[in-house]
Structure formats: structure tokens, C-alpha cells
C-alpha atoms as a PDB file:
ATOM      1  CA  MET A   1      17.236  22.555  -7.337  1.00  0.00           C
ATOM      2  CA  ARG A   2      14.790  20.313  -9.148  1.00  0.00           C
ATOM      3  CA  THR A   3      12.465  22.015 -11.578  1.00  0.00           C
ATOM      4  CA  LYS A   4       8.721  21.695 -11.378  1.00  0.00           C
ATOM      5  CA  ALA A   5       8.737  19.677 -14.591  1.00  0.00           C
ATOM      6  CA  SER A   6      11.258  17.158 -13.264  1.00  0.00           C
ATOM      7  CA  LEU A   7       9.340  16.782 -10.012  1.00  0.00           C
ATOM      8  CA  ILE A   8       6.142  15.998 -11.874  1.00  0.00           C
ATOM      9  CA  THR A   9       7.806  13.035 -13.564  1.00  0.00           C
ATOM     10  CA  THR A  10       8.426  11.420 -10.175  1.00  0.00           C
ATOM     11  CA  MET A  11       4.953  11.998  -8.834  1.00  0.00           C
ATOM     12  CA  LEU A  12       2.087   9.595  -8.657  1.00  0.00           C
ATOM     13  CA  LEU A  13       0.723  10.377 -12.091  1.00  0.00           C
ATOM     14  CA  GLY A  14       4.023  10.943 -13.904  1.00  0.00           C
ATOM     15  CA  ILE A  15       4.671   9.424 -17.279  1.00  0.00           C
ATOM     16  CA  ALA A  16       7.834   7.622 -16.208  1.00  0.00           C
ATOM     17  CA  CYS A  17       8.051   4.949 -13.527  1.00  0.00           C
ATOM     18  CA  LEU A  18      10.834   3.150 -11.703  1.00  0.00           C
ATOM     19  CA  GLY A  19      13.107   0.860 -13.632  1.00  0.00           C
ATOM     20  CA  GLY A  20      12.217   2.447 -16.960  1.00  0.00           C
ATOM     21  CA  GLN A  21       8.980   0.507 -17.116  1.00  0.00           C
ATOM     22  CA  GLY A  22       5.793   2.148 -18.374  1.00  0.00           C
ATOM     23  CA  VAL A  23       2.200   1.725 -17.364  1.00  0.00           C
ATOM     24  CA  ALA A  24       0.947  -1.648 -18.620  1.00  0.00           C
ATOM     25  CA  ALA A  25      -0.171  -1.162 -22.201  1.00  0.00           C
ATOM     26  CA  ALA A  26      -2.928  -3.694 -22.503  1.00  0.00           C
ATOM     27  CA  ALA A  27      -5.292  -5.632 -20.303  1.00  0.00           C
ATOM     28  CA  ASP A  28      -4.454  -9.276 -19.780  1.00  0.00           C
ATOM     29  CA  GLU A  29      -6.945 -11.727 -18.400  1.00  0.00           C
ATOM     30  CA  GLN A  30      -4.224 -13.963 -17.002  1.00  0.00           C
ATOM     31  CA  TRP A  31      -2.879 -13.764 -13.470  1.00  0.00           C
ATOM     32  CA  HIS A  32       0.729 -12.651 -13.148  1.00  0.00           C
ATOM     33  CA  SER A  33       2.938 -12.990 -10.088  1.00  0.00           C
ATOM     34  CA  LEU A  34       4.353  -9.778  -8.601  1.00  0.00           C
ATOM     35  CA  PHE A  35       6.683 -11.746  -6.324  1.00  0.00           C
ATOM     36  CA  ASN A  36       9.066 -14.364  -7.691  1.00  0.00           C
ATOM     37  CA  GLY A  37       9.510 -16.166  -4.363  1.00  0.00           C
ATOM     38  CA  LYS A  38      13.307 -15.713  -4.533  1.00  0.00           C
ATOM     39  CA  ASP A  39      14.181 -12.039  -4.062  1.00  0.00           C
ATOM     40  CA  LEU A  40      12.804  -8.487  -4.200  1.00  0.00           C
ATOM     41  CA  SER A  41      13.197  -8.036  -7.952  1.00  0.00           C
ATOM     42  CA  GLY A  42      10.507  -5.702  -9.289  1.00  0.00           C
ATOM     43  CA  TRP A  43      10.097  -3.864  -5.979  1.00  0.00           C
ATOM     44  CA  THR A  44      11.471  -0.637  -4.481  1.00  0.00           C
ATOM     45  CA  ILE A  45      12.008  -0.061  -0.757  1.00  0.00           C
ATOM     46  CA  LYS A  46      11.283   3.167   1.110  1.00  0.00           C
ATOM     47  CA  ILE A  47      11.629   3.257   4.900  1.00  0.00           C
ATOM     48  CA  ALA A  48      11.051   6.525   6.757  1.00  0.00           C
ATOM     49  CA  LYS A  49      14.293   8.289   7.770  1.00  0.00           C
ATOM     50  CA  HIS A  50      16.281   6.204   5.271  1.00  0.00           C
ATOM     51  CA  PRO A  51      17.067   6.831   1.592  1.00  0.00           C
ATOM     52  CA  LEU A  52      15.353   5.057  -1.240  1.00  0.00           C
ATOM     53  CA  ASN A  53      16.195   1.347  -1.489  1.00  0.00           C
ATOM     54  CA  GLU A  54      18.033   1.165   1.842  1.00  0.00           C
ATOM     55  CA  ASN A  55      16.596  -2.018   3.357  1.00  0.00           C
ATOM     56  CA  TYR A  56      17.352  -1.036   6.940  1.00  0.00           C
ATOM     57  CA  ALA A  57      18.072  -4.053   9.189  1.00  0.00           C
ATOM     58  CA  ASP A  58      16.854  -6.362   6.419  1.00  0.00           C
ATOM     59  CA  THR A  59      13.255  -5.319   7.156  1.00  0.00           C
ATOM     60  CA  PHE A  60      11.978  -6.825   3.919  1.00  0.00           C
ATOM     61  CA  ARG A  61      13.356 -10.301   3.293  1.00  0.00           C
ATOM     62  CA  VAL A  62      12.558 -13.473   1.372  1.00  0.00           C
ATOM     63  CA  GLU A  63      12.698 -16.817   3.150  1.00  0.00           C
ATOM     64  CA  ASP A  64      11.293 -20.165   2.018  1.00  0.00           C
ATOM     65  CA  GLY A  65       9.363 -18.519  -0.817  1.00  0.00           C
ATOM     66  CA  ILE A  66       7.640 -16.057   1.537  1.00  0.00           C
ATOM     67  CA  LEU A  67       8.049 -12.274   1.562  1.00  0.00           C
ATOM     68  CA  LYS A  68       8.538 -11.356   5.213  1.00  0.00           C
ATOM     69  CA  VAL A  69       8.518  -8.124   7.189  1.00  0.00           C
ATOM     70  CA  SER A  70      10.886  -8.612  10.118  1.00  0.00           C
ATOM     71  CA  TYR A  71      12.126  -6.466  13.005  1.00  0.00           C
ATOM     72  CA  GLU A  72      14.749  -8.859  14.314  1.00  0.00           C
ATOM     73  CA  GLY A  73      17.512  -6.368  13.493  1.00  0.00           C
ATOM     74  CA  TYR A  74      15.896  -3.344  15.171  1.00  0.00           C
ATOM     75  CA  GLN A  75      16.922  -1.969  18.556  1.00  0.00           C
ATOM     76  CA  LYS A  76      13.897   0.339  18.451  1.00  0.00           C
ATOM     77  CA  PHE A  77      11.258   1.235  15.889  1.00  0.00           C
ATOM     78  CA  ASP A  78      11.669   5.021  16.061  1.00  0.00           C
ATOM     79  CA  GLN A  79       8.750   5.738  13.703  1.00  0.00           C
ATOM     80  CA  ARG A  80      10.486   3.987  10.798  1.00  0.00           C
ATOM     81  CA  PHE A  81       7.376   3.054   8.871  1.00  0.00           C
ATOM     82  CA  GLY A  82       8.300   1.263   5.675  1.00  0.00           C
ATOM     83  CA  HIS A  83       6.782   0.261   2.349  1.00  0.00           C
ATOM     84  CA  LEU A  84       7.777  -2.049  -0.482  1.00  0.00           C
ATOM     85  CA  PHE A  85       6.560  -0.569  -3.774  1.00  0.00           C
ATOM     86  CA  THR A  86       5.970  -2.222  -7.113  1.00  0.00           C
ATOM     87  CA  ASN A  87       8.263  -0.652  -9.689  1.00  0.00           C
ATOM     88  CA  GLN A  88       5.291  -0.300 -12.001  1.00  0.00           C
ATOM     89  CA  PRO A  89       2.082   1.682 -11.373  1.00  0.00           C
ATOM     90  CA  TYR A  90      -1.294   0.109 -12.131  1.00  0.00           C
ATOM     91  CA  SER A  91      -4.794   1.379 -12.861  1.00  0.00           C
ATOM     92  CA  ASN A  92      -7.403  -1.308 -13.620  1.00  0.00           C
ATOM     93  CA  TYR A  93      -6.674  -4.634 -11.975  1.00  0.00           C
ATOM     94  CA  ILE A  94      -7.416  -7.241  -9.357  1.00  0.00           C
ATOM     95  CA  LEU A  95      -4.707  -7.755  -6.759  1.00  0.00           C
ATOM     96  CA  ARG A  96      -4.820 -11.033  -4.839  1.00  0.00           C
ATOM     97  CA  LEU A  97      -2.479 -12.045  -2.028  1.00  0.00           C
ATOM     98  CA  GLU A  98      -2.297 -14.004   1.182  1.00  0.00           C
ATOM     99  CA  TYR A  99      -1.066 -12.488   4.416  1.00  0.00           C
ATOM    100  CA  LYS A 100      -0.337 -13.808   7.887  1.00  0.00           C
ATOM    101  CA  ILE A 101       0.285 -11.533  10.860  1.00  0.00           C
ATOM    102  CA  ILE A 102       2.723 -13.154  13.272  1.00  0.00           C
ATOM    103  CA  GLY A 103       4.535 -12.500  16.542  1.00  0.00           C
ATOM    104  CA  ALA A 104       4.567  -9.156  18.347  1.00  0.00           C
ATOM    105  CA  ALA A 105       5.190  -5.609  17.197  1.00  0.00           C
ATOM    106  CA  ILE A 106       8.416  -3.931  18.210  1.00  0.00           C
ATOM    107  CA  GLU A 107       8.050  -2.490  21.712  1.00  0.00           C
ATOM    108  CA  ASP A 108       8.201   1.267  21.043  1.00  0.00           C
ATOM    109  CA  ALA A 109       5.712   1.151  18.172  1.00  0.00           C
ATOM    110  CA  PRO A 110       2.499   3.190  18.536  1.00  0.00           C
ATOM    111  CA  HIS A 111      -0.262   1.105  20.100  1.00  0.00           C
ATOM    112  CA  TRP A 112      -2.439   1.467  17.000  1.00  0.00           C
ATOM    113  CA  ALA A 113       0.325   0.055  14.772  1.00  0.00           C
ATOM    114  CA  LYS A 114       0.486  -3.231  16.661  1.00  0.00           C
ATOM    115  CA  LEU A 115      -1.232  -6.203  15.014  1.00  0.00           C
ATOM    116  CA  ASN A 116      -1.657  -3.844  12.072  1.00  0.00           C
ATOM    117  CA  SER A 117      -0.304  -3.816   8.510  1.00  0.00           C
ATOM    118  CA  GLY A 118      -1.712  -3.487   5.008  1.00  0.00           C
ATOM    119  CA  VAL A 119      -1.285  -2.944   1.297  1.00  0.00           C
ATOM    120  CA  MET A 120      -1.436   0.475  -0.341  1.00  0.00           C
ATOM    121  CA  ILE A 121      -3.061   1.126  -3.708  1.00  0.00           C
ATOM    122  CA  HIS A 122      -2.901   4.168  -6.014  1.00  0.00           C
ATOM    123  CA  ALA A 123       0.229   5.119  -4.039  1.00  0.00           C
ATOM    124  CA  GLN A 124       2.496   8.000  -4.995  1.00  0.00           C
ATOM    125  CA  SER A 125       5.902   7.064  -6.350  1.00  0.00           C
ATOM    126  CA  PRO A 126       8.501   6.421  -3.638  1.00  0.00           C
ATOM    127  CA  LEU A 127      10.743   8.781  -5.629  1.00  0.00           C
ATOM    128  CA  SER A 128       8.452  11.644  -4.624  1.00  0.00           C
ATOM    129  CA  MET A 129       8.340  10.887  -0.878  1.00  0.00           C
ATOM    130  CA  ARG A 130      10.091  13.010   1.751  1.00  0.00           C
ATOM    131  CA  LEU A 131      12.986  11.319   3.564  1.00  0.00           C
ATOM    132  CA  ASP A 132      11.052  11.075   6.839  1.00  0.00           C
ATOM    133  CA  GLN A 133       7.580  10.568   5.334  1.00  0.00           C
ATOM    134  CA  GLY A 134       5.886   7.700   7.159  1.00  0.00           C
ATOM    135  CA  PHE A 135       3.187   6.791   4.641  1.00  0.00           C
ATOM    136  CA  PRO A 136       2.795   7.384   0.915  1.00  0.00           C
ATOM    137  CA  VAL A 137      -0.220   9.318  -0.239  1.00  0.00           C
ATOM    138  CA  SER A 138      -2.452   6.382  -1.113  1.00  0.00           C
ATOM    139  CA  MET A 139      -5.448   4.247  -0.195  1.00  0.00           C
ATOM    140  CA  GLU A 140      -4.605   1.523   2.323  1.00  0.00           C
ATOM    141  CA  VAL A 141      -6.341  -1.829   2.587  1.00  0.00           C
ATOM    142  CA  GLN A 142      -5.705  -2.323   6.287  1.00  0.00           C
ATOM    143  CA  PHE A 143      -4.873  -5.764   7.695  1.00  0.00           C
ATOM    144  CA  LEU A 144      -5.635  -6.263  11.399  1.00  0.00           C
ATOM    145  CA  ALA A 145      -5.443  -9.300  13.680  1.00  0.00           C
ATOM    146  CA  VAL A 146      -7.352 -10.209  16.840  1.00  0.00           C
ATOM    147  CA  GLY A 147      -6.274  -7.862  19.634  1.00  0.00           C
ATOM    148  CA  ALA A 148      -5.622  -4.832  17.416  1.00  0.00           C
ATOM    149  CA  THR A 149      -6.650  -1.432  18.756  1.00  0.00           C
ATOM    150  CA  ALA A 150      -6.872   0.252  15.346  1.00  0.00           C
ATOM    151  CA  GLY A 151     -10.197  -1.358  14.436  1.00  0.00           C
ATOM    152  CA  LYS A 152     -12.623  -4.212  14.941  1.00  0.00           C
ATOM    153  CA  GLN A 153     -12.318  -5.766  11.491  1.00  0.00           C
ATOM    154  CA  THR A 154      -9.729  -6.350   8.790  1.00  0.00           C
ATOM    155  CA  ALA A 155      -9.751  -4.844   5.271  1.00  0.00           C
ATOM    156  CA  ASN A 156     -10.785  -1.358   6.341  1.00  0.00           C
ATOM    157  CA  ALA A 157      -9.900   1.538   4.019  1.00  0.00           C
ATOM    158  CA  VAL A 158      -7.375   3.986   5.472  1.00  0.00           C
ATOM    159  CA  THR A 159      -6.684   7.282   3.728  1.00  0.00           C
ATOM    160  CA  PRO A 160      -3.218   8.833   4.181  1.00  0.00           C
ATOM    161  CA  GLY A 161      -3.425  12.047   2.171  1.00  0.00           C
ATOM    162  CA  THR A 162      -6.610  10.962   0.406  1.00  0.00           C
ATOM    163  CA  ASN A 163     -10.407  10.966   0.535  1.00  0.00           C
ATOM    164  CA  LEU A 164     -13.008   8.749  -1.108  1.00  0.00           C
ATOM    165  CA  GLU A 165     -16.707   8.556  -1.879  1.00  0.00           C
ATOM    166  CA  VAL A 166     -19.247   6.002  -0.663  1.00  0.00           C
ATOM    167  CA  ASN A 167     -22.569   5.895  -2.496  1.00  0.00           C
ATOM    168  CA  GLY A 168     -21.948   9.290  -4.036  1.00  0.00           C
ATOM    169  CA  LYS A 169     -21.006  11.064  -0.793  1.00  0.00           C
ATOM    170  CA  LEU A 170     -17.526  12.362  -0.018  1.00  0.00           C
ATOM    171  CA  VAL A 171     -16.051  10.698   3.067  1.00  0.00           C
ATOM    172  CA  THR A 172     -13.153  12.415   4.824  1.00  0.00           C
ATOM    173  CA  ASP A 173     -12.780   9.978   7.739  1.00  0.00           C
ATOM    174  CA  HIS A 174      -9.293   8.530   8.065  1.00  0.00           C
ATOM    175  CA  ILE A 175     -10.639   4.985   8.520  1.00  0.00           C
ATOM    176  CA  ILE A 176     -13.684   3.567   6.741  1.00  0.00           C
ATOM    177  CA  ASP A 177     -14.819   0.310   8.321  1.00  0.00           C
ATOM    178  CA  SER A 178     -15.291  -2.862   6.326  1.00  0.00           C
ATOM    179  CA  GLN A 179     -17.861  -5.552   7.093  1.00  0.00           C
ATOM    180  CA  SER A 180     -15.271  -8.212   7.778  1.00  0.00           C
ATOM    181  CA  LYS A 181     -14.015  -9.564  11.115  1.00  0.00           C
ATOM    182  CA  LEU A 182     -10.660  -9.937  12.818  1.00  0.00           C
ATOM    183  CA  TYR A 183      -8.624 -13.068  12.171  1.00  0.00           C
ATOM    184  CA  PRO A 184      -6.187 -14.549  14.712  1.00  0.00           C
ATOM    185  CA  LEU A 185      -2.396 -14.439  14.594  1.00  0.00           C
ATOM    186  CA  ASP A 186      -0.611 -17.105  12.566  1.00  0.00           C
ATOM    187  CA  GLU A 187      -3.554 -17.648  10.203  1.00  0.00           C
ATOM    188  CA  TRP A 188      -3.254 -17.138   6.458  1.00  0.00           C
ATOM    189  CA  VAL A 189      -5.930 -14.769   5.136  1.00  0.00           C
ATOM    190  CA  THR A 190      -6.672 -14.148   1.444  1.00  0.00           C
ATOM    191  CA  ALA A 191      -7.203 -10.523   0.446  1.00  0.00           C
ATOM    192  CA  GLU A 192      -8.429  -9.419  -2.960  1.00  0.00           C
ATOM    193  CA  ILE A 193      -8.666  -5.810  -4.112  1.00  0.00           C
ATOM    194  CA  GLU A 194     -10.474  -4.946  -7.325  1.00  0.00           C
ATOM    195  CA  VAL A 195      -9.445  -1.542  -8.606  1.00  0.00           C
ATOM    196  CA  ARG A 196     -11.264   0.191 -11.464  1.00  0.00           C
ATOM    197  CA  GLY A 197      -9.153   3.321 -11.899  1.00  0.00           C
ATOM    198  CA  ASN A 198     -10.991   6.239 -10.341  1.00  0.00           C
ATOM    199  CA  GLU A 199     -14.404   4.626 -10.654  1.00  0.00           C
ATOM    200  CA  GLN A 200     -14.520   1.998  -7.932  1.00  0.00           C
ATOM    201  CA  VAL A 201     -12.525  -0.090  -5.459  1.00  0.00           C
ATOM    202  CA  VAL A 202     -13.759  -3.340  -3.871  1.00  0.00           C
ATOM    203  CA  HIS A 203     -12.179  -5.139  -0.908  1.00  0.00           C
ATOM    204  CA  ARG A 204     -12.720  -8.885  -0.479  1.00  0.00           C
ATOM    205  CA  ILE A 205     -11.532 -11.164   2.308  1.00  0.00           C
ATOM    206  CA  ASN A 206     -11.520 -14.914   1.763  1.00  0.00           C
ATOM    207  CA  ASP A 207     -13.625 -14.332  -1.386  1.00  0.00           C
ATOM    208  CA  VAL A 208     -16.324 -12.308   0.397  1.00  0.00           C
ATOM    209  CA  GLU A 209     -16.901  -8.628  -0.444  1.00  0.00           C
ATOM    210  CA  VAL A 210     -16.453  -6.501   2.682  1.00  0.00           C
ATOM    211  CA  LEU A 211     -16.153  -2.914   1.394  1.00  0.00           C
ATOM    212  CA  ARG A 212     -16.861  -0.895  -1.743  1.00  0.00           C
ATOM    213  CA  TYR A 213     -16.113   2.764  -2.469  1.00  0.00           C
ATOM    214  CA  GLN A 214     -15.646   5.167  -5.363  1.00  0.00           C
ATOM    215  CA  ARG A 215     -13.601   8.094  -6.661  1.00  0.00           C
ATOM    216  CA  PRO A 216     -10.407   7.958  -4.596  1.00  0.00           C
ATOM    217  CA  GLN A 217      -8.866  11.420  -4.593  1.00  0.00           C
ATOM    218  CA  LEU A 218      -6.134  13.551  -3.077  1.00  0.00           C
ATOM    219  CA  ASP A 219      -6.968  15.428   0.127  1.00  0.00           C
ATOM    220  CA  PRO A 220      -6.253  19.148  -0.473  1.00  0.00           C
ATOM    221  CA  LYS A 221      -5.840  19.643   3.288  1.00  0.00           C
ATOM    222  CA  ASP A 222      -2.986  17.133   3.594  1.00  0.00           C
ATOM    223  CA  GLU A 223       0.589  18.439   3.386  1.00  0.00           C
ATOM    224  CA  ASP A 224       1.950  15.638   1.219  1.00  0.00           C
ATOM    225  CA  ALA A 225      -1.075  15.685  -1.065  1.00  0.00           C
ATOM    226  CA  GLN A 226      -0.608  19.433  -1.428  1.00  0.00           C
ATOM    227  CA  ARG A 227       2.921  18.809  -2.718  1.00  0.00           C
ATOM    228  CA  LEU A 228       1.563  16.456  -5.374  1.00  0.00           C
ATOM    229  CA  LEU A 229      -1.156  18.893  -6.389  1.00  0.00           C
ATOM    230  CA  ALA A 230       1.343  21.762  -6.595  1.00  0.00           C
ATOM    231  CA  ALA A 231       3.506  19.638  -8.898  1.00  0.00           C
ATOM    232  CA  GLY A 232       0.598  19.119 -11.287  1.00  0.00           C
ATOM    233  CA  ALA A 233      -1.056  15.889 -10.134  1.00  0.00           C
ATOM    234  CA  PRO A 234      -4.838  15.840 -10.719  1.00  0.00           C
ATOM    235  CA  LEU A 235      -7.180  15.703  -7.748  1.00  0.00           C
ATOM    236  CA  GLN A 236      -8.760  12.406  -8.762  1.00  0.00           C
ATOM    237  CA  LEU A 237      -6.617   9.282  -8.421  1.00  0.00           C
ATOM    238  CA  SER A 238      -6.810   6.920 -11.371  1.00  0.00           C
ATOM    239  CA  PHE A 239      -3.614   4.898 -10.954  1.00  0.00           C
ATOM    240  CA  GLY A 240      -0.537   4.476  -8.794  1.00  0.00           C
ATOM    241  CA  HIS A 241       1.877   2.025  -7.256  1.00  0.00           C
ATOM    242  CA  ILE A 242       1.031  -0.944  -5.037  1.00  0.00           C
ATOM    243  CA  ALA A 243       2.960  -1.058  -1.748  1.00  0.00           C
ATOM    244  CA  LEU A 244       3.208  -3.654   1.003  1.00  0.00           C
ATOM    245  CA  GLN A 245       3.429  -2.138   4.452  1.00  0.00           C
ATOM    246  CA  ALA A 246       5.948  -2.512   7.295  1.00  0.00           C
ATOM    247  CA  GLU A 247       4.237  -0.821  10.221  1.00  0.00           C
ATOM    248  CA  SER A 248       6.176  -2.268  13.208  1.00  0.00           C
ATOM    249  CA  GLN A 249       4.282  -5.586  13.132  1.00  0.00           C
ATOM    250  CA  PRO A 250       5.875  -8.728  11.645  1.00  0.00           C
ATOM    251  CA  ILE A 251       3.806 -10.008   8.731  1.00  0.00           C
ATOM    252  CA  TRP A 252       4.271 -12.552   5.945  1.00  0.00           C
ATOM    253  CA  PHE A 253       3.022 -12.308   2.350  1.00  0.00           C
ATOM    254  CA  ARG A 254       2.759 -14.980  -0.330  1.00  0.00           C
ATOM    255  CA  ASN A 255       1.019 -15.659  -3.673  1.00  0.00           C
ATOM    256  CA  ILE A 256       1.019 -11.975  -4.630  1.00  0.00           C
ATOM    257  CA  ARG A 257      -0.679 -11.911  -8.008  1.00  0.00           C
ATOM    258  CA  ILE A 258      -2.291  -9.366 -10.301  1.00  0.00           C
ATOM    259  CA  ARG A 259      -4.770  -9.612 -13.158  1.00  0.00           C
ATOM    260  CA  GLN A 260      -5.126  -6.550 -15.310  1.00  0.00           C
ATOM    261  CA  LEU A 261      -8.625  -5.566 -16.377  1.00  0.00           C
ATOM    262  CA  GLU A 262     -10.107  -3.859 -19.399  1.00  0.00           C
ATOM    263  CA  LYS A 263     -11.165  -0.279 -18.726  1.00  0.00           C
END
């Protein structure tokens, strides 16, 4: 049985991180690529119902310099929500990437998951997730395309196991709407997320600010957040992993870059 101390080291705010890498020591004003365009080096896979780093049916793949989420090898989805985590956690940074939602979601996916994907920030370590856990405790920047039923705009904030504040008021809604719009299938969209630790998060789409919120925090009413809190994680989220989502909908990612910021 794992001790409480060993469990803490694998949690969101543990000292150690995957691959023996530590939290970035110093801010760097230069952009750095998180994706080398060749393979999944620097990333860790966790798909619900499968062990860590089992890339079931080649869900996450690299083709022609693009990081793709594909369901070509699936017979059925069966609630196998997946995420591709950075090996390293981050705190103060700007994440910039381009995404393109393509094709159709796998048939047995929930209706709300169709034309729907995203990127998670301040995510718990995949080492601390349950085998069948669908989503890491995190803040999601939700990506939606025209026709989605989960919302009427892209870049909403979604809160699996978390809460946030807007203008000083605690918000416990699962989805917080942005001021963006929906973009059609097969169109590249640029998303930028500015993260200032626990102080503030800003979502931008195609260089336009569409949402701003503060003080991301664990939700004490959520089962998975309760596990983190019981293991010693603080209520307020100040850093965590970045994770690209596989939510039953094919999606492509490219130009995934990060610029670390001074505190």
C-alpha cells in the first residue's frame, strides 16, 4: 500500500514530476516548443480504463508535423476519455497553440462531447489519476466547433474538480462562457492562454481576449479533488500540468509553444 507521503509526491503540487524534471527554475522571455513535430517526446498519455502511457489504438499520433487525435482504431468509444500531459508542470506562462477540429466524433460518444475538445491547465499529475478517471482535476479551455451542443462559443472555462473566481466572486458552475464565437470544422484557430499562477487566467482566441478569471481552486465537493486534498494538496491551484484532450472528437494541434513569465 502506498503511504500518504509517497502519494503526495505524485499529486498536482508534488515536488517531483514525470521524467525526473523539476518545475522550471527561471522565467524565460523566449518561446519554446512543447511539441517537436516528430513524436510524443516530453508528453505522457493517460486514457481512461487504460494504464499510464498505453496509447490505445494509436489515439495520439504525429503525422506530417501535426499532433493528431484519431479514433480510426476504435470499435466504440466506451467512455475512454484521454489526455496527453506535459511531463513538466508549469505555473506562470503563456501557452499558444493552433487547433483544428475535423471529421465526426465516434458514434457512441456522449452528444456533448461531439465537436468538443480542449486543453487542460493546472492539471493534476497523470500519476495520481484513477484507472477509469475520465478527466484530470484541472481547468479546461474548451474548444468547440459549429454544431456543438456543449456551448455556443469556443474557449469557455470548464471545471472538472475545480472552481474559480470572476471579479472577486466564487463561481461553481461547471462551464463559464467566454465571449468568443464558434468556428467551423476544418479551420485552424489560434488559442492563447495566459496563466499567472493562482492570480489570474486569460483566454484569447485569434489574439482577442474572450475570458478572464482568478483564483482557480480545488472543489471540496468533488471526489477526485477530495483525494488530492486528503493527500496534502492546497486548496488554491498555483501550478500543474498542461494536457491536450481526446474527448471522442478528432482534432489536430500544431505550433504548441510556451513562454514562461516572471512571477
